[in-house]
C-alpha atoms as a PDB file:
ATOM      1  CA  MET A   1      20.750  -8.083   5.730  1.00  0.00           C
ATOM      2  CA  ASN A   2      20.946 -11.281   3.692  1.00  0.00           C
ATOM      3  CA  GLY A   3      17.568 -12.885   3.077  1.00  0.00           C
ATOM      4  CA  ALA A   4      15.666  -9.827   4.249  1.00  0.00           C
ATOM      5  CA  VAL A   5      12.897 -10.283   1.702  1.00  0.00           C
ATOM      6  CA  THR A   6      11.236 -13.504   0.529  1.00  0.00           C
ATOM      7  CA  GLY A   7       8.214 -14.588  -1.510  1.00  0.00           C
ATOM      8  CA  ARG A   8       8.496 -12.183  -4.438  1.00  0.00           C
ATOM      9  CA  VAL A   9       5.653 -12.236  -6.931  1.00  0.00           C
ATOM     10  CA  SER A  10       5.623  -9.856  -9.882  1.00  0.00           C
ATOM     11  CA  VAL A  11       2.389  -8.194 -10.916  1.00  0.00           C
ATOM     12  CA  ALA A  12       1.939  -7.171 -14.549  1.00  0.00           C
ATOM     13  CA  SER A  13       0.103  -4.088 -15.666  1.00  0.00           C
ATOM     14  CA  SER A  14      -2.875  -4.165 -18.013  1.00  0.00           C
ATOM     15  CA  GLY A  15      -4.805  -1.189 -19.292  1.00  0.00           C
ATOM     16  CA  PRO A  16      -6.081   1.980 -17.663  1.00  0.00           C
ATOM     17  CA  VAL A  17      -6.972   2.295 -13.990  1.00  0.00           C
ATOM     18  CA  SER A  18     -10.691   2.307 -14.797  1.00  0.00           C
ATOM     19  CA  GLY A  19     -10.692  -1.278 -16.017  1.00  0.00           C
ATOM     20  CA  GLY A  20      -7.203  -2.710 -15.504  1.00  0.00           C
ATOM     21  CA  LEU A  21      -5.658  -5.233 -13.193  1.00  0.00           C
ATOM     22  CA  HIS A  22      -5.532  -4.415  -9.499  1.00  0.00           C
ATOM     23  CA  LEU A  23      -3.774  -5.974  -6.542  1.00  0.00           C
ATOM     24  CA  LEU A  24      -6.348  -6.713  -3.841  1.00  0.00           C
ATOM     25  CA  ALA A  25      -5.273  -6.414  -0.204  1.00  0.00           C
ATOM     26  CA  ARG A  26      -6.436  -5.433   3.265  1.00  0.00           C
ATOM     27  CA  LEU A  27      -5.178  -2.511   5.255  1.00  0.00           C
ATOM     28  CA  GLY A  28      -6.459  -1.853   8.769  1.00  0.00           C
ATOM     29  CA  GLY A  29      -9.272  -4.294   7.993  1.00  0.00           C
ATOM     30  CA  GLN A  30     -10.385  -2.269   4.928  1.00  0.00           C
ATOM     31  CA  ALA A  31     -10.452  -4.028   1.551  1.00  0.00           C
ATOM     32  CA  ILE A  32      -8.290  -2.034  -0.870  1.00  0.00           C
ATOM     33  CA  ALA A  33      -7.235  -2.276  -4.510  1.00  0.00           C
ATOM     34  CA  VAL A  34      -3.998  -0.917  -5.964  1.00  0.00           C
ATOM     35  CA  PRO A  35      -3.636  -0.397  -9.722  1.00  0.00           C
ATOM     36  CA  ALA A  36      -1.147  -2.990 -10.996  1.00  0.00           C
ATOM     37  CA  GLU A  37       0.933  -0.344 -12.770  1.00  0.00           C
ATOM     38  CA  ALA A  38       1.801   1.080  -9.321  1.00  0.00           C
ATOM     39  CA  VAL A  39       3.035  -2.310  -8.073  1.00  0.00           C
ATOM     40  CA  GLU A  40       6.562  -3.505  -8.753  1.00  0.00           C
ATOM     41  CA  SER A  41       6.173  -6.676  -6.670  1.00  0.00           C
ATOM     42  CA  VAL A  42       4.789  -8.066  -3.428  1.00  0.00           C
ATOM     43  CA  VAL A  43       7.049  -9.434  -0.707  1.00  0.00           C
ATOM     44  CA  ASP A  44       7.350 -10.701   2.842  1.00  0.00           C
ATOM     45  CA  ILE A  45       9.631  -8.400   4.822  1.00  0.00           C
ATOM     46  CA  GLU A  46      11.693 -10.343   7.362  1.00  0.00           C
ATOM     47  CA  ALA A  47      14.427  -8.009   8.610  1.00  0.00           C
ATOM     48  CA  VAL A  48      14.166  -4.258   8.983  1.00  0.00           C
ATOM     49  CA  VAL A  49      17.035  -2.006  10.052  1.00  0.00           C
ATOM     50  CA  PRO A  50      15.907   1.139  11.899  1.00  0.00           C
ATOM     51  CA  ALA A  51      16.353   4.466  10.069  1.00  0.00           C
ATOM     52  CA  PRO A  52      17.034   7.143  12.719  1.00  0.00           C
ATOM     53  CA  CYS A  53      15.676  10.650  12.162  1.00  0.00           C
ATOM     54  CA  SER A  54      13.194   9.455   9.543  1.00  0.00           C
ATOM     55  CA  HIS A  55       9.435  10.059   9.395  1.00  0.00           C
ATOM     56  CA  PRO A  56       7.626   8.300  12.288  1.00  0.00           C
ATOM     57  CA  ALA A  57       5.848   6.022   9.788  1.00  0.00           C
ATOM     58  CA  VAL A  58       9.146   4.752   8.355  1.00  0.00           C
ATOM     59  CA  ARG A  59       9.732   1.473  10.126  1.00  0.00           C
ATOM     60  CA  GLY A  60      13.231   1.273   8.645  1.00  0.00           C
ATOM     61  CA  LEU A  61      15.153  -0.125   5.679  1.00  0.00           C
ATOM     62  CA  ALA A  62      15.264  -3.622   4.172  1.00  0.00           C
ATOM     63  CA  ALA A  63      17.251  -5.324   1.425  1.00  0.00           C
ATOM     64  CA  LEU A  64      15.378  -6.259  -1.747  1.00  0.00           C
ATOM     65  CA  ARG A  65      17.303  -7.769  -4.657  1.00  0.00           C
ATOM     66  CA  SER A  66      20.535  -5.959  -3.714  1.00  0.00           C
ATOM     67  CA  ARG A  67      18.580  -2.722  -3.269  1.00  0.00           C
ATOM     68  CA  VAL A  68      17.594  -0.824  -0.180  1.00  0.00           C
ATOM     69  CA  VAL A  69      13.863  -0.161   0.235  1.00  0.00           C
ATOM     70  CA  THR A  70      12.133   2.122   2.709  1.00  0.00           C
ATOM     71  CA  VAL A  71       9.671   0.092   4.807  1.00  0.00           C
ATOM     72  CA  VAL A  72       6.551   2.159   5.542  1.00  0.00           C
ATOM     73  CA  ASP A  73       4.297   1.386   8.502  1.00  0.00           C
ATOM     74  CA  THR A  74       1.134   2.109   6.557  1.00  0.00           C
ATOM     75  CA  TRP A  75      -1.053   1.607   9.636  1.00  0.00           C
ATOM     76  CA  GLN A  76       0.785   4.356  11.505  1.00  0.00           C
ATOM     77  CA  LEU A  77       0.784   6.620   8.466  1.00  0.00           C
ATOM     78  CA  LEU A  78      -3.007   6.340   8.110  1.00  0.00           C
ATOM     79  CA  ASN A  79      -3.619   6.162  11.874  1.00  0.00           C
ATOM     80  CA  LEU A  80      -5.171   2.688  11.580  1.00  0.00           C
ATOM     81  CA  ARG A  81      -5.297  -0.323  13.862  1.00  0.00           C
ATOM     82  CA  ARG A  82      -2.152  -2.367  13.199  1.00  0.00           C
ATOM     83  CA  GLY A  83      -2.457  -5.836  11.685  1.00  0.00           C
ATOM     84  CA  GLU A  84      -1.605  -8.934  13.689  1.00  0.00           C
ATOM     85  CA  GLY A  85       1.079 -11.544  13.102  1.00  0.00           C
ATOM     86  CA  GLU A  86       4.793 -11.948  12.474  1.00  0.00           C
ATOM     87  CA  VAL A  87       4.932 -11.913   8.659  1.00  0.00           C
ATOM     88  CA  GLN A  88       5.085  -8.424   7.227  1.00  0.00           C
ATOM     89  CA  ARG A  89       3.398  -8.452   3.822  1.00  0.00           C
ATOM     90  CA  ALA A  90       4.295  -5.482   1.652  1.00  0.00           C
ATOM     91  CA  ILE A  91       3.556  -3.956  -1.710  1.00  0.00           C
ATOM     92  CA  ILE A  92       6.702  -2.656  -3.388  1.00  0.00           C
ATOM     93  CA  THR A  93       6.150   0.581  -5.288  1.00  0.00           C
ATOM     94  CA  VAL A  94       8.523   3.079  -6.867  1.00  0.00           C
ATOM     95  CA  VAL A  95       7.858   6.789  -6.307  1.00  0.00           C
ATOM     96  CA  ASP A  96      10.242   9.372  -7.767  1.00  0.00           C
ATOM     97  CA  GLY A  97      12.832   6.648  -8.375  1.00  0.00           C
ATOM     98  CA  HIS A  98      12.790   5.391  -4.764  1.00  0.00           C
ATOM     99  CA  HIS A  99      11.531   1.958  -3.709  1.00  0.00           C
ATOM    100  CA  HIS A 100       9.017   1.759  -0.861  1.00  0.00           C
ATOM    101  CA  ALA A 101       7.628  -1.332   0.877  1.00  0.00           C
ATOM    102  CA  MET A 102       4.076  -0.400   1.905  1.00  0.00           C
ATOM    103  CA  LEU A 103       3.043  -2.802   4.690  1.00  0.00           C
ATOM    104  CA  VAL A 104      -0.462  -4.322   4.550  1.00  0.00           C
ATOM    105  CA  ASP A 105      -2.522  -6.803   6.597  1.00  0.00           C
ATOM    106  CA  THR A 106      -2.898  -9.295   3.746  1.00  0.00           C
ATOM    107  CA  LEU A 107      -2.351  -9.651   0.026  1.00  0.00           C
ATOM    108  CA  ASP A 108      -5.385 -11.387  -1.436  1.00  0.00           C
ATOM    109  CA  ASP A 109      -5.437 -11.593  -5.235  1.00  0.00           C
ATOM    110  CA  VAL A 110      -4.853  -9.867  -8.562  1.00  0.00           C
ATOM    111  CA  ALA A 111      -7.989  -9.192 -10.574  1.00  0.00           C
ATOM    112  CA  PRO A 112      -9.432  -6.900 -13.246  1.00  0.00           C
ATOM    113  CA  LEU A 113     -11.770  -4.321 -11.723  1.00  0.00           C
ATOM    114  CA  ASP A 114     -14.177  -1.751 -13.067  1.00  0.00           C
ATOM    115  CA  VAL A 115     -13.321   1.320 -11.029  1.00  0.00           C
ATOM    116  CA  THR A 116     -15.904   4.062 -10.573  1.00  0.00           C
ATOM    117  CA  PRO A 117     -15.609   7.493  -8.963  1.00  0.00           C
ATOM    118  CA  ILE A 118     -16.230   7.527  -5.235  1.00  0.00           C
ATOM    119  CA  PRO A 119     -19.975   8.129  -4.836  1.00  0.00           C
ATOM    120  CA  ALA A 120     -20.927  11.717  -4.048  1.00  0.00           C
ATOM    121  CA  GLY A 121     -21.910  12.094  -0.436  1.00  0.00           C
ATOM    122  CA  LEU A 122     -19.817   9.139   0.766  1.00  0.00           C
ATOM    123  CA  ALA A 123     -17.844  10.460   3.734  1.00  0.00           C
ATOM    124  CA  LEU A 124     -14.464   8.715   3.678  1.00  0.00           C
ATOM    125  CA  GLY A 125     -12.933  10.863   6.392  1.00  0.00           C
ATOM    126  CA  PRO A 126      -9.333  12.104   6.444  1.00  0.00           C
ATOM    127  CA  ARG A 127      -7.811   8.615   6.562  1.00  0.00           C
ATOM    128  CA  TRP A 128      -8.948   7.574   3.126  1.00  0.00           C
ATOM    129  CA  SER A 129     -10.055  10.754   1.327  1.00  0.00           C
ATOM    130  CA  ARG A 130      -6.477  11.861   0.576  1.00  0.00           C
ATOM    131  CA  VAL A 131      -5.396   8.522  -0.911  1.00  0.00           C
ATOM    132  CA  ALA A 132      -8.549   6.924  -2.369  1.00  0.00           C
ATOM    133  CA  THR A 133      -8.938   7.518  -6.107  1.00  0.00           C
ATOM    134  CA  GLY A 134     -12.003   5.402  -6.814  1.00  0.00           C
ATOM    135  CA  ALA A 135     -14.248   2.572  -5.725  1.00  0.00           C
ATOM    136  CA  ALA A 136     -14.889  -0.939  -6.967  1.00  0.00           C
ATOM    137  CA  GLU A 137     -16.746  -4.051  -5.911  1.00  0.00           C
ATOM    138  CA  ARG A 138     -15.691  -7.686  -5.980  1.00  0.00           C
ATOM    139  CA  ASN A 139     -17.929 -10.553  -4.883  1.00  0.00           C
ATOM    140  CA  GLY A 140     -20.252  -8.035  -3.224  1.00  0.00           C
ATOM    141  CA  GLU A 141     -17.472  -6.456  -1.138  1.00  0.00           C
ATOM    142  CA  PRO A 142     -16.706  -2.743  -1.587  1.00  0.00           C
ATOM    143  CA  LEU A 143     -13.074  -1.831  -2.295  1.00  0.00           C
ATOM    144  CA  LEU A 144     -11.269   1.496  -2.100  1.00  0.00           C
ATOM    145  CA  VAL A 145      -8.771   2.070  -4.898  1.00  0.00           C
ATOM    146  CA  ILE A 146      -5.637   3.511  -3.287  1.00  0.00           C
ATOM    147  CA  ASP A 147      -2.927   5.740  -4.735  1.00  0.00           C
ATOM    148  CA  LEU A 148       0.376   4.514  -3.226  1.00  0.00           C
ATOM    149  CA  ALA A 149       2.228   7.599  -4.495  1.00  0.00           C
ATOM    150  CA  ALA A 150      -0.201   9.763  -2.486  1.00  0.00           C
ATOM    151  CA  LEU A 151       0.619   7.725   0.630  1.00  0.00           C
ATOM    152  CA  VAL A 152       4.343   8.253   0.103  1.00  0.00           C
ATOM    153  CA  GLY A 153       3.716  11.929  -0.644  1.00  0.00           C
ATOM    154  CA  ALA A 154       1.793  12.269   2.627  1.00  0.00           C
ATOM    155  CA  MET A 155       5.003  11.490   4.505  1.00  0.00           C
ATOM    156  CA  ALA A 156       6.973  14.076   2.539  1.00  0.00           C
ATOM    157  CA  HIS A 157       4.332  16.747   3.183  1.00  0.00           C
ATOM    158  CA  GLY A 158       3.684  15.878   6.837  1.00  0.00           C
ATOM    159  CA  VAL A 159      -0.005  15.096   6.291  1.00  0.00           C
ATOM    160  CA  ASP A 160      -1.780  14.194   9.546  1.00  0.00           C
ATOM    161  CA  PHE A 161      -4.374  11.452   9.081  1.00  0.00           C
ATOM    162  CA  ALA A 162      -6.497  12.179  12.150  1.00  0.00           C
ATOM    163  CA  PRO A 163      -8.963   9.473  13.211  1.00  0.00           C
ATOM    164  CA  ASP A 164     -12.271   9.405  11.310  1.00  0.00           C
END
């Protein structure tokens, strides 16, 4: 599993979720933001070893700095259309002491955001309502603020993200 992960970039935390730094990405075509304090790093996943008998959304395991990380097929977990391409971009997060590589379509930027509650009456549907913690806007584009720990927890609790 040598060289399984390349392109590491650390993301620093700054302030509370409501006005702190966020990692901006795309998942299933949706623009998302992840609070920087939930991000250990971002990586390109090159080699994944299957993990038999694991949750269907666990693509497998990969080596990251002499550590094993669980690679999560976030598209399958949220029942989204899978991204295209060979490179597997991932956000590394730590939940309950375990490292997870949450796969995404793209990693776009790190920026401070003013996060607001999700507007009343906005129907997110089951895909996003369980993991979205707020909303923001950048350059006129709406963003959903995502809780990565809730995504990992969805696997542990067998949450079914039925299509919207």
